[in-house]
PDB file of N, CA and C in Angstrom:
ATOM      1  N   MET A   1       5.951  -8.639  -8.778  1.00  0.00           N
ATOM      2  CA  MET A   1       5.634  -9.781  -9.753  1.00  0.00           C
ATOM      3  C   MET A   1       5.250 -10.947  -8.680  1.00  0.00           C
ATOM      4  N   SER A   2       3.974 -11.258  -9.290  1.00  0.00           N
ATOM      5  CA  SER A   2       3.430 -12.357  -8.547  1.00  0.00           C
ATOM      6  C   SER A   2       3.964 -13.907  -8.558  1.00  0.00           C
ATOM      7  N   ILE A   3       3.146 -14.021  -7.316  1.00  0.00           N
ATOM      8  CA  ILE A   3       4.244 -16.009  -7.023  1.00  0.00           C
ATOM      9  C   ILE A   3       3.984 -16.354  -7.711  1.00  0.00           C
ATOM     10  N   ASP A   4       2.434 -16.977  -8.427  1.00  0.00           N
ATOM     11  CA  ASP A   4       2.844 -17.308 -10.038  1.00  0.00           C
ATOM     12  C   ASP A   4       3.313 -17.382 -11.082  1.00  0.00           C
ATOM     13  N   GLU A   5       3.845 -15.913 -11.328  1.00  0.00           N
ATOM     14  CA  GLU A   5       5.076 -15.754 -12.640  1.00  0.00           C
ATOM     15  C   GLU A   5       6.113 -16.552 -11.647  1.00  0.00           C
ATOM     16  N   VAL A   6       6.454 -16.306 -10.054  1.00  0.00           N
ATOM     17  CA  VAL A   6       7.894 -17.265  -9.828  1.00  0.00           C
ATOM     18  C   VAL A   6       7.806 -18.278  -9.672  1.00  0.00           C
ATOM     19  N   ILE A   7       6.856 -18.886  -9.767  1.00  0.00           N
ATOM     20  CA  ILE A   7       6.720 -20.520  -9.798  1.00  0.00           C
ATOM     21  C   ILE A   7       7.464 -20.916 -11.107  1.00  0.00           C
ATOM     22  N   ARG A   8       6.141 -19.887 -12.127  1.00  0.00           N
ATOM     23  CA  ARG A   8       6.475 -20.554 -13.706  1.00  0.00           C
ATOM     24  C   ARG A   8       7.850 -19.952 -13.719  1.00  0.00           C
ATOM     25  N   LEU A   9       8.640 -19.041 -13.717  1.00  0.00           N
ATOM     26  CA  LEU A   9      10.351 -19.044 -14.312  1.00  0.00           C
ATOM     27  C   LEU A   9      10.805 -19.894 -13.344  1.00  0.00           C
ATOM     28  N   LEU A  10      10.645 -20.346 -12.376  1.00  0.00           N
ATOM     29  CA  LEU A  10      11.390 -21.328 -11.133  1.00  0.00           C
ATOM     30  C   LEU A  10      11.356 -22.955 -12.429  1.00  0.00           C
ATOM     31  N   GLN A  11       9.909 -23.133 -13.062  1.00  0.00           N
ATOM     32  CA  GLN A  11       9.757 -24.175 -13.741  1.00  0.00           C
ATOM     33  C   GLN A  11      10.586 -23.925 -15.022  1.00  0.00           C
ATOM     34  N   GLU A  12      10.439 -22.748 -15.448  1.00  0.00           N
ATOM     35  CA  GLU A  12      11.783 -22.908 -16.395  1.00  0.00           C
ATOM     36  C   GLU A  12      12.576 -22.881 -16.567  1.00  0.00           C
ATOM     37  N   ILE A  13      13.528 -22.253 -15.335  1.00  0.00           N
ATOM     38  CA  ILE A  13      14.876 -22.504 -15.245  1.00  0.00           C
ATOM     39  C   ILE A  13      15.298 -24.063 -14.503  1.00  0.00           C
ATOM     40  N   LYS A  14      14.312 -24.874 -14.201  1.00  0.00           N
ATOM     41  CA  LYS A  14      14.768 -26.170 -13.923  1.00  0.00           C
ATOM     42  C   LYS A  14      14.163 -27.194 -14.985  1.00  0.00           C
ATOM     43  N   ASP A  15      14.042 -26.625 -15.984  1.00  0.00           N
ATOM     44  CA  ASP A  15      14.117 -27.148 -18.025  1.00  0.00           C
ATOM     45  C   ASP A  15      15.397 -26.945 -17.921  1.00  0.00           C
ATOM     46  N   LEU A  16      15.951 -25.674 -18.197  1.00  0.00           N
ATOM     47  CA  LEU A  16      16.999 -25.087 -18.601  1.00  0.00           C
ATOM     48  C   LEU A  16      17.934 -26.775 -18.014  1.00  0.00           C
ATOM     49  N   GLY A  17      18.389 -26.886 -17.219  1.00  0.00           N
ATOM     50  CA  GLY A  17      19.548 -27.807 -16.089  1.00  0.00           C
ATOM     51  C   GLY A  17      20.000 -27.675 -15.632  1.00  0.00           C
ATOM     52  N   GLU A  18      21.469 -27.988 -15.607  1.00  0.00           N
ATOM     53  CA  GLU A  18      22.255 -28.017 -14.958  1.00  0.00           C
ATOM     54  C   GLU A  18      23.167 -26.256 -14.768  1.00  0.00           C
ATOM     55  N   SER A  19      22.832 -25.588 -16.064  1.00  0.00           N
ATOM     56  CA  SER A  19      23.776 -24.130 -16.315  1.00  0.00           C
ATOM     57  C   SER A  19      22.840 -23.611 -15.405  1.00  0.00           C
ATOM     58  N   GLY A  20      21.703 -23.770 -14.848  1.00  0.00           N
ATOM     59  CA  GLY A  20      20.857 -22.712 -14.148  1.00  0.00           C
ATOM     60  C   GLY A  20      20.261 -22.764 -13.065  1.00  0.00           C
ATOM     61  N   LYS A  21      21.725 -23.926 -12.136  1.00  0.00           N
ATOM     62  CA  LYS A  21      21.518 -23.581 -10.451  1.00  0.00           C
ATOM     63  C   LYS A  21      21.744 -22.745  -9.936  1.00  0.00           C
ATOM     64  N   GLU A  22      22.457 -21.224 -10.389  1.00  0.00           N
ATOM     65  CA  GLU A  22      22.503 -19.982  -9.443  1.00  0.00           C
ATOM     66  C   GLU A  22      21.399 -19.818 -10.029  1.00  0.00           C
ATOM     67  N   THR A  23      20.750 -19.550 -10.668  1.00  0.00           N
ATOM     68  CA  THR A  23      19.200 -18.997 -11.044  1.00  0.00           C
ATOM     69  C   THR A  23      18.377 -19.346 -10.190  1.00  0.00           C
ATOM     70  N   VAL A  24      18.659 -20.839  -9.902  1.00  0.00           N
ATOM     71  CA  VAL A  24      16.889 -21.189  -9.608  1.00  0.00           C
ATOM     72  C   VAL A  24      17.382 -20.913  -8.175  1.00  0.00           C
ATOM     73  N   SER A  25      18.601 -21.089  -7.406  1.00  0.00           N
ATOM     74  CA  SER A  25      18.672 -20.458  -6.153  1.00  0.00           C
ATOM     75  C   SER A  25      18.010 -18.878  -5.818  1.00  0.00           C
ATOM     76  N   LYS A  26      18.102 -18.350  -7.251  1.00  0.00           N
ATOM     77  CA  LYS A  26      17.950 -16.838  -6.411  1.00  0.00           C
ATOM     78  C   LYS A  26      16.485 -16.558  -7.035  1.00  0.00           C
ATOM     79  N   ALA A  27      16.383 -17.412  -8.074  1.00  0.00           N
ATOM     80  CA  ALA A  27      14.512 -17.542  -8.337  1.00  0.00           C
ATOM     81  C   ALA A  27      13.488 -18.157  -6.709  1.00  0.00           C
ATOM     82  N   LYS A  28      14.313 -18.783  -6.302  1.00  0.00           N
ATOM     83  CA  LYS A  28      13.535 -19.971  -4.825  1.00  0.00           C
ATOM     84  C   LYS A  28      13.609 -18.507  -3.659  1.00  0.00           C
ATOM     85  N   SER A  29      14.656 -17.874  -3.704  1.00  0.00           N
ATOM     86  CA  SER A  29      15.032 -16.481  -2.811  1.00  0.00           C
ATOM     87  C   SER A  29      14.073 -15.145  -2.895  1.00  0.00           C
ATOM     88  N   THR A  30      13.470 -15.429  -4.337  1.00  0.00           N
ATOM     89  CA  THR A  30      13.210 -14.187  -4.815  1.00  0.00           C
ATOM     90  C   THR A  30      11.438 -14.954  -4.468  1.00  0.00           C
ATOM     91  N   ALA A  31      11.364 -16.106  -4.234  1.00  0.00           N
ATOM     92  CA  ALA A  31      10.139 -16.345  -4.431  1.00  0.00           C
ATOM     93  C   ALA A  31       9.098 -16.338  -3.111  1.00  0.00           C
ATOM     94  N   LYS A  32      10.442 -16.954  -2.263  1.00  0.00           N
ATOM     95  CA  LYS A  32       9.673 -17.166  -0.679  1.00  0.00           C
ATOM     96  C   LYS A  32       9.438 -15.054   0.072  1.00  0.00           C
ATOM     97  N   LYS A  33      10.356 -14.440  -0.678  1.00  0.00           N
ATOM     98  CA  LYS A  33      10.189 -13.123  -0.571  1.00  0.00           C
ATOM     99  C   LYS A  33       8.563 -12.568  -1.102  1.00  0.00           C
ATOM    100  N   ALA A  34       8.410 -13.447  -2.173  1.00  0.00           N
ATOM    101  CA  ALA A  34       7.103 -13.107  -2.509  1.00  0.00           C
ATOM    102  C   ALA A  34       6.022 -13.539  -1.383  1.00  0.00           C
ATOM    103  N   LYS A  35       6.335 -14.284  -1.278  1.00  0.00           N
ATOM    104  CA  LYS A  35       4.938 -15.032  -0.393  1.00  0.00           C
ATOM    105  C   LYS A  35       4.936 -14.658   0.575  1.00  0.00           C
ATOM    106  N   SER A  36       6.172 -13.782   1.351  1.00  0.00           N
ATOM    107  CA  SER A  36       5.594 -13.164   2.732  1.00  0.00           C
ATOM    108  C   SER A  36       5.110 -11.986   2.779  1.00  0.00           C
ATOM    109  N   VAL A  37       5.366 -10.844   1.502  1.00  0.00           N
ATOM    110  CA  VAL A  37       4.835 -10.026   1.321  1.00  0.00           C
ATOM    111  C   VAL A  37       3.792  -9.820   0.799  1.00  0.00           C
ATOM    112  N   ALA A  38       2.417 -11.464   0.210  1.00  0.00           N
ATOM    113  CA  ALA A  38       1.452 -11.685   0.305  1.00  0.00           C
ATOM    114  C   ALA A  38       1.242 -11.880   1.617  1.00  0.00           C
ATOM    115  N   LYS A  39       1.164 -12.273   2.334  1.00  0.00           N
ATOM    116  CA  LYS A  39       0.866 -13.354   3.394  1.00  0.00           C
ATOM    117  C   LYS A  39       1.132 -11.002   4.634  1.00  0.00           C
ATOM    118  N   LYS A  40       1.229 -10.482   4.264  1.00  0.00           N
ATOM    119  CA  LYS A  40       1.189  -9.257   5.196  1.00  0.00           C
ATOM    120  C   LYS A  40      -0.269  -8.578   5.430  1.00  0.00           C
ATOM    121  N   VAL A  41      -0.256  -8.305   5.872  1.00  0.00           N
ATOM    122  CA  VAL A  41      -1.730  -7.812   6.239  1.00  0.00           C
ATOM    123  C   VAL A  41      -1.708  -6.310   6.429  1.00  0.00           C
ATOM    124  N   LYS A  42      -2.817  -5.814   6.018  1.00  0.00           N
ATOM    125  CA  LYS A  42      -2.567  -3.657   5.779  1.00  0.00           C
ATOM    126  C   LYS A  42      -3.044  -3.813   7.333  1.00  0.00           C
ATOM    127  N   ARG A  43      -2.625  -2.761   7.838  1.00  0.00           N
ATOM    128  CA  ARG A  43      -3.260  -1.534   9.266  1.00  0.00           C
ATOM    129  C   ARG A  43      -4.723  -1.118   8.566  1.00  0.00           C
ATOM    130  N   ALA A  44      -4.999  -1.413   9.456  1.00  0.00           N
ATOM    131  CA  ALA A  44      -6.210  -0.697   9.628  1.00  0.00           C
ATOM    132  C   ALA A  44      -6.138   0.611   9.713  1.00  0.00           C
ATOM    133  N   PRO A  45      -7.172   1.851   8.835  1.00  0.00           N
ATOM    134  CA  PRO A  45      -6.923   2.973   8.373  1.00  0.00           C
ATOM    135  C   PRO A  45      -6.854   4.058  10.423  1.00  0.00           C
ATOM    136  N   SER A  46      -6.408   4.836  10.664  1.00  0.00           N
ATOM    137  CA  SER A  46      -6.256   5.389  11.837  1.00  0.00           C
ATOM    138  C   SER A  46      -7.533   6.006  11.700  1.00  0.00           C
ATOM    139  N   ALA A  47      -8.680   7.231  12.528  1.00  0.00           N
ATOM    140  CA  ALA A  47      -9.457   7.848  13.165  1.00  0.00           C
ATOM    141  C   ALA A  47      -9.072   8.995  12.072  1.00  0.00           C
ATOM    142  N   TYR A  48      -7.510   9.449  12.161  1.00  0.00           N
ATOM    143  CA  TYR A  48      -7.253  10.504  11.012  1.00  0.00           C
ATOM    144  C   TYR A  48      -7.180  11.168   9.727  1.00  0.00           C
ATOM    145  N   ASN A  49      -6.536   9.207   9.147  1.00  0.00           N
ATOM    146  CA  ASN A  49      -6.996   8.544   7.720  1.00  0.00           C
ATOM    147  C   ASN A  49      -8.068   8.451   7.466  1.00  0.00           C
ATOM    148  N   LYS A  50      -9.916   8.139   8.517  1.00  0.00           N
ATOM    149  CA  LYS A  50     -10.450   8.277   7.857  1.00  0.00           C
ATOM    150  C   LYS A  50     -10.948   9.641   7.936  1.00  0.00           C
ATOM    151  N   TYR A  51     -11.159   9.902   8.389  1.00  0.00           N
ATOM    152  CA  TYR A  51     -11.254  11.803   8.957  1.00  0.00           C
ATOM    153  C   TYR A  51     -10.995  12.544   7.217  1.00  0.00           C
ATOM    154  N   MET A  52      -9.701  12.606   6.984  1.00  0.00           N
ATOM    155  CA  MET A  52      -9.390  13.181   5.949  1.00  0.00           C
ATOM    156  C   MET A  52      -9.421  12.969   4.835  1.00  0.00           C
ATOM    157  N   LYS A  53     -10.120  11.351   4.631  1.00  0.00           N
ATOM    158  CA  LYS A  53     -10.161  10.818   3.294  1.00  0.00           C
ATOM    159  C   LYS A  53     -12.041  11.257   3.135  1.00  0.00           C
ATOM    160  N   LYS A  54     -12.321  11.455   4.592  1.00  0.00           N
ATOM    161  CA  LYS A  54     -14.410  11.653   4.010  1.00  0.00           C
ATOM    162  C   LYS A  54     -14.031  13.276   3.593  1.00  0.00           C
ATOM    163  N   LYS A  55     -13.034  14.018   4.876  1.00  0.00           N
ATOM    164  CA  LYS A  55     -12.966  15.834   4.492  1.00  0.00           C
ATOM    165  C   LYS A  55     -12.494  16.148   3.164  1.00  0.00           C
ATOM    166  N   MET A  56     -11.426  15.376   2.608  1.00  0.00           N
ATOM    167  CA  MET A  56     -10.910  15.521   1.152  1.00  0.00           C
ATOM    168  C   MET A  56     -12.052  15.791   0.290  1.00  0.00           C
ATOM    169  N   ALA A  57     -12.840  14.995   0.424  1.00  0.00           N
ATOM    170  CA  ALA A  57     -13.724  14.420  -0.853  1.00  0.00           C
ATOM    171  C   ALA A  57     -14.635  15.623  -0.730  1.00  0.00           C
ATOM    172  N   GLN A  58     -15.300  16.114   0.517  1.00  0.00           N
ATOM    173  CA  GLN A  58     -16.156  17.367   1.019  1.00  0.00           C
ATOM    174  C   GLN A  58     -16.014  18.534   0.050  1.00  0.00           C
ATOM    175  N   LEU A  59     -14.123  18.611   0.531  1.00  0.00           N
ATOM    176  CA  LEU A  59     -13.302  20.453  -0.103  1.00  0.00           C
ATOM    177  C   LEU A  59     -13.232  19.745  -0.974  1.00  0.00           C
ATOM    178  N   LYS A  60     -12.830  18.785  -1.767  1.00  0.00           N
ATOM    179  CA  LYS A  60     -12.888  18.560  -3.286  1.00  0.00           C
ATOM    180  C   LYS A  60     -14.281  18.813  -4.364  1.00  0.00           C
ATOM    181  N   LYS A  61     -15.166  18.511  -3.779  1.00  0.00           N
ATOM    182  CA  LYS A  61     -16.546  18.648  -4.750  1.00  0.00           C
ATOM    183  C   LYS A  61     -17.241  20.034  -4.297  1.00  0.00           C
ATOM    184  N   LYS A  62     -16.428  20.526  -2.751  1.00  0.00           N
ATOM    185  CA  LYS A  62     -16.779  22.485  -3.104  1.00  0.00           C
ATOM    186  C   LYS A  62     -15.862  22.919  -3.527  1.00  0.00           C
ATOM    187  N   HIS A  63     -14.774  23.245  -4.241  1.00  0.00           N
ATOM    188  CA  HIS A  63     -13.699  23.954  -4.386  1.00  0.00           C
ATOM    189  C   HIS A  63     -13.308  22.998  -5.542  1.00  0.00           C
ATOM    190  N   PRO A  64     -13.445  22.853  -6.725  1.00  0.00           N
ATOM    191  CA  PRO A  64     -12.963  21.561  -7.759  1.00  0.00           C
ATOM    192  C   PRO A  64     -11.326  22.445  -8.338  1.00  0.00           C
ATOM    193  N   ARG A  65     -12.061  23.852  -8.095  1.00  0.00           N
ATOM    194  CA  ARG A  65     -10.074  24.347  -9.280  1.00  0.00           C
ATOM    195  C   ARG A  65      -9.661  24.529  -7.817  1.00  0.00           C
ATOM    196  N   LYS A  66      -9.296  24.548  -6.617  1.00  0.00           N
ATOM    197  CA  LYS A  66      -7.974  24.611  -5.949  1.00  0.00           C
ATOM    198  C   LYS A  66      -7.332  23.372  -5.756  1.00  0.00           C
ATOM    199  N   LYS A  67      -6.224  23.908  -5.446  1.00  0.00           N
ATOM    200  CA  LYS A  67      -5.188  22.821  -5.072  1.00  0.00           C
ATOM    201  C   LYS A  67      -5.084  21.641  -4.063  1.00  0.00           C
ATOM    202  N   HIS A  68      -4.956  20.717  -4.767  1.00  0.00           N
ATOM    203  CA  HIS A  68      -4.462  19.626  -3.784  1.00  0.00           C
ATOM    204  C   HIS A  68      -3.921  20.277  -2.167  1.00  0.00           C
ATOM    205  N   ALA A  69      -2.763  20.075  -2.235  1.00  0.00           N
ATOM    206  CA  ALA A  69      -2.100  20.703  -0.865  1.00  0.00           C
ATOM    207  C   ALA A  69      -2.616  22.012  -0.402  1.00  0.00           C
ATOM    208  N   ALA A  70      -3.452  22.760  -0.338  1.00  0.00           N
ATOM    209  CA  ALA A  70      -3.898  23.691  -0.045  1.00  0.00           C
ATOM    210  C   ALA A  70      -5.497  23.065   0.588  1.00  0.00           C
ATOM    211  N   ILE A  71      -6.345  22.008  -0.235  1.00  0.00           N
ATOM    212  CA  ILE A  71      -7.224  21.475   0.593  1.00  0.00           C
ATOM    213  C   ILE A  71      -6.588  20.909   1.514  1.00  0.00           C
ATOM    214  N   PHE A  72      -5.303  19.882   1.398  1.00  0.00           N
ATOM    215  CA  PHE A  72      -5.029  19.460   2.619  1.00  0.00           C
ATOM    216  C   PHE A  72      -4.665  20.144   3.337  1.00  0.00           C
ATOM    217  N   LYS A  73      -4.103  20.999   3.597  1.00  0.00           N
ATOM    218  CA  LYS A  73      -4.164  22.008   4.495  1.00  0.00           C
ATOM    219  C   LYS A  73      -5.763  22.449   5.929  1.00  0.00           C
ATOM    220  N   GLN A  74      -6.161  22.880   4.460  1.00  0.00           N
ATOM    221  CA  GLN A  74      -7.607  23.110   4.986  1.00  0.00           C
ATOM    222  C   GLN A  74      -7.868  21.944   5.792  1.00  0.00           C
ATOM    223  N   ALA A  75      -8.082  20.796   5.462  1.00  0.00           N
ATOM    224  CA  ALA A  75      -8.439  19.768   5.965  1.00  0.00           C
ATOM    225  C   ALA A  75      -7.665  19.650   7.313  1.00  0.00           C
ATOM    226  N   ALA A  76      -6.379  19.683   7.203  1.00  0.00           N
ATOM    227  CA  ALA A  76      -5.549  19.046   8.551  1.00  0.00           C
ATOM    228  C   ALA A  76      -6.185  20.494   9.733  1.00  0.00           C
ATOM    229  N   LYS A  77      -6.369  21.233   9.654  1.00  0.00           N
ATOM    230  CA  LYS A  77      -6.243  22.210  10.247  1.00  0.00           C
ATOM    231  C   LYS A  77      -8.069  21.962  10.474  1.00  0.00           C
ATOM    232  N   SER A  78      -8.721  21.567   9.973  1.00  0.00           N
ATOM    233  CA  SER A  78      -9.942  21.354  10.529  1.00  0.00           C
ATOM    234  C   SER A  78     -10.517  20.396  11.486  1.00  0.00           C
ATOM    235  N   TRP A  79      -9.234  19.295  11.692  1.00  0.00           N
ATOM    236  CA  TRP A  79      -9.459  17.817  12.138  1.00  0.00           C
ATOM    237  C   TRP A  79      -8.660  18.330  13.579  1.00  0.00           C
ATOM    238  N   LYS A  80      -8.072  19.424  13.991  1.00  0.00           N
ATOM    239  CA  LYS A  80      -7.627  19.930  15.421  1.00  0.00           C
ATOM    240  C   LYS A  80      -8.952  20.322  15.882  1.00  0.00           C
ATOM    241  N   ARG A  81     -10.156  20.444  15.191  1.00  0.00           N
ATOM    242  CA  ARG A  81     -11.527  21.020  15.917  1.00  0.00           C
ATOM    243  C   ARG A  81     -12.069  20.327  15.616  1.00  0.00           C
ATOM    244  N   SER A  82     -12.136  18.783  15.446  1.00  0.00           N
ATOM    245  CA  SER A  82     -12.467  17.600  15.119  1.00  0.00           C
ATOM    246  C   SER A  82     -13.267  16.880  16.291  1.00  0.00           C
ATOM    247  N   PRO A  83     -14.761  16.776  16.822  1.00  0.00           N
ATOM    248  CA  PRO A  83     -14.894  15.573  17.685  1.00  0.00           C
ATOM    249  C   PRO A  83     -14.035  14.387  17.374  1.00  0.00           C
ATOM    250  N   ASP A  84     -14.493  14.224  16.150  1.00  0.00           N
ATOM    251  CA  ASP A  84     -13.408  12.741  15.954  1.00  0.00           C
ATOM    252  C   ASP A  84     -12.048  12.791  16.393  1.00  0.00           C
ATOM    253  N   ARG A  85     -11.289  13.569  16.351  1.00  0.00           N
ATOM    254  CA  ARG A  85      -9.504  13.700  17.046  1.00  0.00           C
ATOM    255  C   ARG A  85      -9.808  13.764  18.448  1.00  0.00           C
ATOM    256  N   LYS A  86     -10.624  14.135  19.302  1.00  0.00           N
ATOM    257  CA  LYS A  86     -10.936  13.882  20.400  1.00  0.00           C
ATOM    258  C   LYS A  86     -10.793  12.488  20.832  1.00  0.00           C
ATOM    259  N   ARG A  87     -12.483  11.722  20.418  1.00  0.00           N
ATOM    260  CA  ARG A  87     -12.858  10.729  20.545  1.00  0.00           C
ATOM    261  C   ARG A  87     -11.175   9.679  20.437  1.00  0.00           C
ATOM    262  N   SER A  88     -10.365   9.916  19.357  1.00  0.00           N
ATOM    263  CA  SER A  88      -8.965   9.246  18.923  1.00  0.00           C
ATOM    264  C   SER A  88      -7.843   9.405  19.884  1.00  0.00           C
ATOM    265  N   MET A  89      -8.273  10.261  20.920  1.00  0.00           N
ATOM    266  CA  MET A  89      -7.232  10.791  21.524  1.00  0.00           C
ATOM    267  C   MET A  89      -7.485   9.707  23.596  1.00  0.00           C
ATOM    268  N   LYS A  90      -8.817   9.069  23.260  1.00  0.00           N
ATOM    269  CA  LYS A  90      -8.776   8.713  24.577  1.00  0.00           C
ATOM    270  C   LYS A  90      -7.958   7.500  25.130  1.00  0.00           C
TER     271      LYS A  90
END
């Protein structure tokens, strides 16, 4: 639920009058939670995440019929030998 939707719901509840006081307080707490979630910043992907994304794309292109799990295992094994791994361990 977006912040704009929560604000719109709060306004509708206020229009209902006294019967919606409990609902208003619940909606306000929901709006606060939505704002705090919206403020969170995503963490930058690690060297492993970047490597796996690149390697998975290469392997899927090379082996389109192979199952995802098998390709993932292959990419994970290749991470052990990768120079990117050695740089990220420093």
